[in-house]
Amino acid sequence: LALAVPGSAATPRLVATVGPGDTITLRTAAGAPVR
């Protein structure tokens, strides 16, 4: 029964990058831009 009951899913991850240069992004863990 313990195996059959799903546990809490992992917290989704986002990746934010600023620099180098004049760049800023926020992407999903898979690399897609966040909209």
PDB file of all heavy atoms in Angstrom:
ATOM      1  N   LEU A   1       0.823  -1.210   0.000  1.00  0.00           N
ATOM      2  CA  LEU A   1       0.000   0.000   0.000  1.00  0.00           C
ATOM      3  C   LEU A   1       0.855   1.258   0.000  1.00  0.00           C
ATOM      4  O   LEU A   1       0.532   2.240  -0.661  1.00  0.00           O
ATOM      5  CB  LEU A   1      -0.949   0.005   1.210  1.00  0.00           C
ATOM      6  CG  LEU A   1      -2.121  -0.965   1.136  1.00  0.00           C
ATOM      7  CD1 LEU A   1      -2.886  -0.965   2.454  1.00  0.00           C
ATOM      8  CD2 LEU A   1      -3.036  -0.632  -0.015  1.00  0.00           C
ATOM      9  N   ALA A   2       1.948   1.237   0.718  1.00  0.00           N
ATOM     10  CA  ALA A   2       2.834   2.397   0.759  1.00  0.00           C
ATOM     11  C   ALA A   2       3.415   2.674  -0.622  1.00  0.00           C
ATOM     12  O   ALA A   2       3.575   3.828  -1.023  1.00  0.00           O
ATOM     13  CB  ALA A   2       3.952   2.177   1.775  1.00  0.00           C
ATOM     14  N   LEU A   3       3.725   1.627  -1.365  1.00  0.00           N
ATOM     15  CA  LEU A   3       4.256   1.818  -2.713  1.00  0.00           C
ATOM     16  C   LEU A   3       3.180   2.272  -3.685  1.00  0.00           C
ATOM     17  O   LEU A   3       3.459   2.967  -4.654  1.00  0.00           O
ATOM     18  CB  LEU A   3       4.883   0.514  -3.221  1.00  0.00           C
ATOM     19  CG  LEU A   3       6.176   0.091  -2.517  1.00  0.00           C
ATOM     20  CD1 LEU A   3       6.617  -1.270  -3.021  1.00  0.00           C
ATOM     21  CD2 LEU A   3       7.275   1.111  -2.726  1.00  0.00           C
ATOM     22  N   ALA A   4       1.941   1.891  -3.445  1.00  0.00           N
ATOM     23  CA  ALA A   4       0.855   2.229  -4.360  1.00  0.00           C
ATOM     24  C   ALA A   4       0.403   3.677  -4.220  1.00  0.00           C
ATOM     25  O   ALA A   4      -0.122   4.262  -5.153  1.00  0.00           O
ATOM     26  CB  ALA A   4      -0.339   1.301  -4.126  1.00  0.00           C
ATOM     27  N   VAL A   5       0.600   4.271  -3.047  1.00  0.00           N
ATOM     28  CA  VAL A   5       0.181   5.655  -2.815  1.00  0.00           C
ATOM     29  C   VAL A   5       1.284   6.570  -3.306  1.00  0.00           C
ATOM     30  O   VAL A   5       2.420   6.493  -2.846  1.00  0.00           O
ATOM     31  CB  VAL A   5      -0.084   5.901  -1.305  1.00  0.00           C
ATOM     32  CG1 VAL A   5      -0.398   7.361  -1.050  1.00  0.00           C
ATOM     33  CG2 VAL A   5      -1.200   5.006  -0.821  1.00  0.00           C
ATOM     34  N   PRO A   6       0.994   7.435  -4.267  1.00  0.00           N
ATOM     35  CA  PRO A   6       2.051   8.308  -4.794  1.00  0.00           C
ATOM     36  C   PRO A   6       2.514   9.295  -3.742  1.00  0.00           C
ATOM     37  O   PRO A   6       1.711   9.853  -3.004  1.00  0.00           O
ATOM     38  CB  PRO A   6       1.396   9.017  -5.969  1.00  0.00           C
ATOM     39  CG  PRO A   6      -0.074   8.893  -5.739  1.00  0.00           C
ATOM     40  CD  PRO A   6      -0.287   7.669  -4.902  1.00  0.00           C
ATOM     41  N   GLY A   7       3.816   9.515  -3.701  1.00  0.00           N
ATOM     42  CA  GLY A   7       4.369  10.507  -2.788  1.00  0.00           C
ATOM     43  C   GLY A   7       4.267  11.877  -3.419  1.00  0.00           C
ATOM     44  O   GLY A   7       3.796  12.042  -4.529  1.00  0.00           O
ATOM     45  N   SER A   8       4.714  12.878  -2.712  1.00  0.00           N
ATOM     46  CA  SER A   8       4.667  14.219  -3.265  1.00  0.00           C
ATOM     47  C   SER A   8       5.685  14.318  -4.403  1.00  0.00           C
ATOM     48  O   SER A   8       6.781  13.790  -4.315  1.00  0.00           O
ATOM     49  CB  SER A   8       4.971  15.250  -2.180  1.00  0.00           C
ATOM     50  OG  SER A   8       6.271  15.042  -1.684  1.00  0.00           O
ATOM     51  N   ALA A   9       5.289  14.950  -5.460  1.00  0.00           N
ATOM     52  CA  ALA A   9       6.176  15.115  -6.607  1.00  0.00           C
ATOM     53  C   ALA A   9       7.300  16.077  -6.242  1.00  0.00           C
ATOM     54  O   ALA A   9       7.153  16.927  -5.373  1.00  0.00           O
ATOM     55  CB  ALA A   9       5.383  15.646  -7.795  1.00  0.00           C
ATOM     56  N   ALA A  10       8.408  15.935  -6.923  1.00  0.00           N
ATOM     57  CA  ALA A  10       9.527  16.833  -6.686  1.00  0.00           C
ATOM     58  C   ALA A  10       9.136  18.256  -7.070  1.00  0.00           C
ATOM     59  O   ALA A  10       8.339  18.475  -7.973  1.00  0.00           O
ATOM     60  CB  ALA A  10      10.722  16.381  -7.514  1.00  0.00           C
ATOM     61  N   THR A  11       9.687  19.211  -6.382  1.00  0.00           N
ATOM     62  CA  THR A  11       9.422  20.611  -6.683  1.00  0.00           C
ATOM     63  C   THR A  11      10.014  20.938  -8.049  1.00  0.00           C
ATOM     64  O   THR A  11      11.195  20.694  -8.289  1.00  0.00           O
ATOM     65  CB  THR A  11      10.056  21.512  -5.600  1.00  0.00           C
ATOM     66  OG1 THR A  11       9.564  21.129  -4.332  1.00  0.00           O
ATOM     67  CG2 THR A  11       9.748  22.973  -5.859  1.00  0.00           C
ATOM     68  N   PRO A  12       9.215  21.491  -8.971  1.00  0.00           N
ATOM     69  CA  PRO A  12       9.753  21.838 -10.295  1.00  0.00           C
ATOM     70  C   PRO A  12      10.889  22.856 -10.178  1.00  0.00           C
ATOM     71  O   PRO A  12      10.878  23.718  -9.299  1.00  0.00           O
ATOM     72  CB  PRO A  12       8.556  22.453 -11.025  1.00  0.00           C
ATOM     73  CG  PRO A  12       7.359  22.024 -10.272  1.00  0.00           C
ATOM     74  CD  PRO A  12       7.795  21.814  -8.854  1.00  0.00           C
ATOM     75  N   ARG A  13      11.841  22.741 -11.079  1.00  0.00           N
ATOM     76  CA  ARG A  13      13.022  23.596 -11.046  1.00  0.00           C
ATOM     77  C   ARG A  13      13.029  24.555 -12.229  1.00  0.00           C
ATOM     78  O   ARG A  13      12.710  24.178 -13.359  1.00  0.00           O
ATOM     79  CB  ARG A  13      14.263  22.715 -11.095  1.00  0.00           C
ATOM     80  CG  ARG A  13      15.549  23.470 -10.942  1.00  0.00           C
ATOM     81  CD  ARG A  13      16.692  22.508 -10.937  1.00  0.00           C
ATOM     82  NE  ARG A  13      17.615  22.971 -11.949  1.00  0.00           N
ATOM     83  CZ  ARG A  13      18.813  22.479 -12.143  1.00  0.00           C
ATOM     84  NH1 ARG A  13      19.217  21.459 -11.458  1.00  0.00           N
ATOM     85  NH2 ARG A  13      19.592  22.988 -13.050  1.00  0.00           N
ATOM     86  N   LEU A  14      13.393  25.793 -11.954  1.00  0.00           N
ATOM     87  CA  LEU A  14      13.603  26.812 -12.980  1.00  0.00           C
ATOM     88  C   LEU A  14      15.061  27.248 -12.907  1.00  0.00           C
ATOM     89  O   LEU A  14      15.673  27.207 -11.830  1.00  0.00           O
ATOM     90  CB  LEU A  14      12.694  28.019 -12.726  1.00  0.00           C
ATOM     91  CG  LEU A  14      11.193  27.746 -12.649  1.00  0.00           C
ATOM     92  CD1 LEU A  14      10.451  29.008 -12.246  1.00  0.00           C
ATOM     93  CD2 LEU A  14      10.686  27.203 -13.976  1.00  0.00           C
ATOM     94  N   VAL A  15      15.606  27.657 -14.043  1.00  0.00           N
ATOM     95  CA  VAL A  15      16.991  28.122 -14.084  1.00  0.00           C
ATOM     96  C   VAL A  15      17.001  29.562 -14.582  1.00  0.00           C
ATOM     97  O   VAL A  15      16.547  29.844 -15.696  1.00  0.00           O
ATOM     98  CB  VAL A  15      17.864  27.230 -14.992  1.00  0.00           C
ATOM     99  CG1 VAL A  15      19.296  27.752 -15.036  1.00  0.00           C
ATOM    100  CG2 VAL A  15      17.820  25.779 -14.516  1.00  0.00           C
ATOM    101  N   ALA A  16      17.504  30.453 -13.764  1.00  0.00           N
ATOM    102  CA  ALA A  16      17.625  31.869 -14.096  1.00  0.00           C
ATOM    103  C   ALA A  16      19.096  32.177 -14.327  1.00  0.00           C
ATOM    104  O   ALA A  16      19.953  31.717 -13.573  1.00  0.00           O
ATOM    105  CB  ALA A  16      17.085  32.720 -12.957  1.00  0.00           C
ATOM    106  N   THR A  17      19.364  32.944 -15.380  1.00  0.00           N
ATOM    107  CA  THR A  17      20.747  33.323 -15.686  1.00  0.00           C
ATOM    108  C   THR A  17      20.793  34.805 -16.011  1.00  0.00           C
ATOM    109  O   THR A  17      19.952  35.308 -16.753  1.00  0.00           O
ATOM    110  CB  THR A  17      21.278  32.517 -16.887  1.00  0.00           C
ATOM    111  OG1 THR A  17      21.116  31.126 -16.619  1.00  0.00           O
ATOM    112  CG2 THR A  17      22.743  32.800 -17.131  1.00  0.00           C
ATOM    113  N   VAL A  18      21.786  35.486 -15.450  1.00  0.00           N
ATOM    114  CA  VAL A  18      22.035  36.883 -15.809  1.00  0.00           C
ATOM    115  C   VAL A  18      23.525  37.003 -16.115  1.00  0.00           C
ATOM    116  O   VAL A  18      24.370  36.513 -15.367  1.00  0.00           O
ATOM    117  CB  VAL A  18      21.583  37.866 -14.700  1.00  0.00           C
ATOM    118  CG1 VAL A  18      22.318  37.638 -13.397  1.00  0.00           C
ATOM    119  CG2 VAL A  18      21.707  39.300 -15.169  1.00  0.00           C
ATOM    120  N   GLY A  19      23.813  37.591 -17.291  1.00  0.00           N
ATOM    121  CA  GLY A  19      25.184  37.662 -17.756  1.00  0.00           C
ATOM    122  C   GLY A  19      25.591  36.320 -18.349  1.00  0.00           C
ATOM    123  O   GLY A  19      24.823  35.361 -18.279  1.00  0.00           O
ATOM    124  N   PRO A  20      26.733  36.232 -18.983  1.00  0.00           N
ATOM    125  CA  PRO A  20      27.640  37.346 -19.245  1.00  0.00           C
ATOM    126  C   PRO A  20      27.047  38.300 -20.281  1.00  0.00           C
ATOM    127  O   PRO A  20      26.095  37.949 -20.976  1.00  0.00           O
ATOM    128  CB  PRO A  20      28.892  36.648 -19.786  1.00  0.00           C
ATOM    129  CG  PRO A  20      28.406  35.367 -20.358  1.00  0.00           C
ATOM    130  CD  PRO A  20      27.191  34.979 -19.558  1.00  0.00           C
ATOM    131  N   GLY A  21      27.605  39.448 -20.354  1.00  0.00           N
ATOM    132  CA  GLY A  21      27.052  40.453 -21.261  1.00  0.00           C
ATOM    133  C   GLY A  21      25.698  40.917 -20.765  1.00  0.00           C
ATOM    134  O   GLY A  21      25.366  40.804 -19.593  1.00  0.00           O
ATOM    135  N   ASP A  22      24.910  41.423 -21.669  1.00  0.00           N
ATOM    136  CA  ASP A  22      23.609  41.983 -21.316  1.00  0.00           C
ATOM    137  C   ASP A  22      22.492  40.978 -21.567  1.00  0.00           C
ATOM    138  O   ASP A  22      21.551  41.242 -22.318  1.00  0.00           O
ATOM    139  CB  ASP A  22      23.361  43.273 -22.108  1.00  0.00           C
ATOM    140  CG  ASP A  22      24.337  44.368 -21.737  1.00  0.00           C
ATOM    141  OD1 ASP A  22      24.873  44.324 -20.621  1.00  0.00           O
ATOM    142  OD2 ASP A  22      24.568  45.270 -22.554  1.00  0.00           O
ATOM    143  N   THR A  23      22.581  39.826 -20.933  1.00  0.00           N
ATOM    144  CA  THR A  23      21.578  38.777 -21.113  1.00  0.00           C
ATOM    145  C   THR A  23      20.928  38.430 -19.785  1.00  0.00           C
ATOM    146  O   THR A  23      21.569  38.456 -18.732  1.00  0.00           O
ATOM    147  CB  THR A  23      22.204  37.496 -21.703  1.00  0.00           C
ATOM    148  OG1 THR A  23      23.191  36.998 -20.785  1.00  0.00           O
ATOM    149  CG2 THR A  23      22.847  37.769 -23.049  1.00  0.00           C
ATOM    150  N   ILE A  24      19.636  38.111 -19.865  1.00  0.00           N
ATOM    151  CA  ILE A  24      18.897  37.637 -18.694  1.00  0.00           C
ATOM    152  C   ILE A  24      17.848  36.653 -19.194  1.00  0.00           C
ATOM    153  O   ILE A  24      17.160  36.910 -20.189  1.00  0.00           O
ATOM    154  CB  ILE A  24      18.261  38.805 -17.906  1.00  0.00           C
ATOM    155  CG1 ILE A  24      17.709  38.312 -16.566  1.00  0.00           C
ATOM    156  CG2 ILE A  24      17.218  39.539 -18.733  1.00  0.00           C
ATOM    157  CD1 ILE A  24      17.388  39.434 -15.585  1.00  0.00           C
ATOM    158  N   THR A  25      17.765  35.488 -18.538  1.00  0.00           N
ATOM    159  CA  THR A  25      16.802  34.471 -18.956  1.00  0.00           C
ATOM    160  C   THR A  25      16.208  33.778 -17.743  1.00  0.00           C
ATOM    161  O   THR A  25      16.819  33.721 -16.674  1.00  0.00           O
ATOM    162  CB  THR A  25      17.454  33.385 -19.850  1.00  0.00           C
ATOM    163  OG1 THR A  25      18.481  32.726 -19.107  1.00  0.00           O
ATOM    164  CG2 THR A  25      18.021  33.974 -21.130  1.00  0.00           C
ATOM    165  N   LEU A  26      15.012  33.246 -17.951  1.00  0.00           N
ATOM    166  CA  LEU A  26      14.372  32.357 -16.986  1.00  0.00           C
ATOM    167  C   LEU A  26      13.834  31.195 -17.808  1.00  0.00           C
ATOM    168  O   LEU A  26      13.025  31.394 -18.719  1.00  0.00           O
ATOM    169  CB  LEU A  26      13.245  33.056 -16.224  1.00  0.00           C
ATOM    170  CG  LEU A  26      12.536  32.204 -15.176  1.00  0.00           C
ATOM    171  CD1 LEU A  26      13.510  31.758 -14.068  1.00  0.00           C
ATOM    172  CD2 LEU A  26      11.361  32.960 -14.570  1.00  0.00           C
ATOM    173  N   ARG A  27      14.318  29.982 -17.504  1.00  0.00           N
ATOM    174  CA  ARG A  27      13.972  28.806 -18.297  1.00  0.00           C
ATOM    175  C   ARG A  27      13.527  27.659 -17.390  1.00  0.00           C
ATOM    176  O   ARG A  27      13.865  27.620 -16.220  1.00  0.00           O
ATOM    177  CB  ARG A  27      15.176  28.348 -19.125  1.00  0.00           C
ATOM    178  CG  ARG A  27      15.635  29.399 -20.127  1.00  0.00           C
ATOM    179  CD  ARG A  27      16.780  28.887 -20.989  1.00  0.00           C
ATOM    180  NE  ARG A  27      17.206  29.879 -21.957  1.00  0.00           N
ATOM    181  CZ  ARG A  27      16.650  30.060 -23.152  1.00  0.00           C
ATOM    182  NH1 ARG A  27      15.645  29.309 -23.522  1.00  0.00           N
ATOM    183  NH2 ARG A  27      17.105  30.980 -23.963  1.00  0.00           N
ATOM    184  N   THR A  28      12.793  26.738 -17.996  1.00  0.00           N
ATOM    185  CA  THR A  28      12.439  25.511 -17.290  1.00  0.00           C
ATOM    186  C   THR A  28      13.689  24.646 -17.178  1.00  0.00           C
ATOM    187  O   THR A  28      14.702  24.920 -17.836  1.00  0.00           O
ATOM    188  CB  THR A  28      11.354  24.729 -18.047  1.00  0.00           C
ATOM    189  OG1 THR A  28      11.905  24.281 -19.299  1.00  0.00           O
ATOM    190  CG2 THR A  28      10.103  25.581 -18.273  1.00  0.00           C
ATOM    191  N   ALA A  29      13.607  23.591 -16.394  1.00  0.00           N
ATOM    192  CA  ALA A  29      14.742  22.675 -16.269  1.00  0.00           C
ATOM    193  C   ALA A  29      15.088  22.045 -17.611  1.00  0.00           C
ATOM    194  O   ALA A  29      16.238  21.689 -17.865  1.00  0.00           O
ATOM    195  CB  ALA A  29      14.429  21.592 -15.232  1.00  0.00           C
ATOM    196  N   ALA A  30      14.095  21.921 -18.504  1.00  0.00           N
ATOM    197  CA  ALA A  30      14.327  21.361 -19.842  1.00  0.00           C
ATOM    198  C   ALA A  30      14.913  22.393 -20.802  1.00  0.00           C
ATOM    199  O   ALA A  30      15.263  22.056 -21.929  1.00  0.00           O
ATOM    200  CB  ALA A  30      13.018  20.813 -20.409  1.00  0.00           C
ATOM    201  N   GLY A  31      14.999  23.655 -20.402  1.00  0.00           N
ATOM    202  CA  GLY A  31      15.613  24.684 -21.229  1.00  0.00           C
ATOM    203  C   GLY A  31      14.653  25.576 -21.989  1.00  0.00           C
ATOM    204  O   GLY A  31      15.085  26.461 -22.724  1.00  0.00           O
ATOM    205  N   ALA A  32      13.346  25.390 -21.818  1.00  0.00           N
ATOM    206  CA  ALA A  32      12.367  26.217 -22.531  1.00  0.00           C
ATOM    207  C   ALA A  32      12.197  27.564 -21.825  1.00  0.00           C
ATOM    208  O   ALA A  32      12.144  27.619 -20.597  1.00  0.00           O
ATOM    209  CB  ALA A  32      11.022  25.506 -22.599  1.00  0.00           C
ATOM    210  N   PRO A  33      12.101  28.652 -22.584  1.00  0.00           N
ATOM    211  CA  PRO A  33      11.847  29.958 -21.958  1.00  0.00           C
ATOM    212  C   PRO A  33      10.511  29.935 -21.209  1.00  0.00           C
ATOM    213  O   PRO A  33       9.537  29.356 -21.676  1.00  0.00           O
ATOM    214  CB  PRO A  33      11.774  30.913 -23.144  1.00  0.00           C
ATOM    215  CG  PRO A  33      12.439  30.204 -24.279  1.00  0.00           C
ATOM    216  CD  PRO A  33      12.230  28.749 -24.044  1.00  0.00           C
ATOM    217  N   VAL A  34      10.486  30.577 -20.053  1.00  0.00           N
ATOM    218  CA  VAL A  34       9.267  30.622 -19.240  1.00  0.00           C
ATOM    219  C   VAL A  34       8.377  31.752 -19.738  1.00  0.00           C
ATOM    220  O   VAL A  34       8.801  32.901 -19.800  1.00  0.00           O
ATOM    221  CB  VAL A  34       9.608  30.818 -17.748  1.00  0.00           C
ATOM    222  CG1 VAL A  34       8.359  31.099 -16.937  1.00  0.00           C
ATOM    223  CG2 VAL A  34      10.341  29.598 -17.207  1.00  0.00           C
ATOM    224  N   ARG A  35       7.137  31.389 -20.104  1.00  0.00           N
ATOM    225  CA  ARG A  35       6.120  32.373 -20.489  1.00  0.00           C
ATOM    226  C   ARG A  35       4.888  32.234 -19.599  1.00  0.00           C
ATOM    227  O   ARG A  35       4.285  33.214 -19.217  1.00  0.00           O
ATOM    228  CB  ARG A  35       5.746  32.204 -21.951  1.00  0.00           C
ATOM    229  CG  ARG A  35       6.927  32.517 -22.880  1.00  0.00           C
ATOM    230  CD  ARG A  35       6.529  32.702 -24.293  1.00  0.00           C
ATOM    231  NE  ARG A  35       7.492  32.812 -25.343  1.00  0.00           N
ATOM    232  CZ  ARG A  35       8.799  32.752 -25.345  1.00  0.00           C
ATOM    233  NH1 ARG A  35       9.427  32.565 -24.241  1.00  0.00           N
ATOM    234  NH2 ARG A  35       9.531  32.870 -26.417  1.00  0.00           N
TER     235      ARG A  35
END
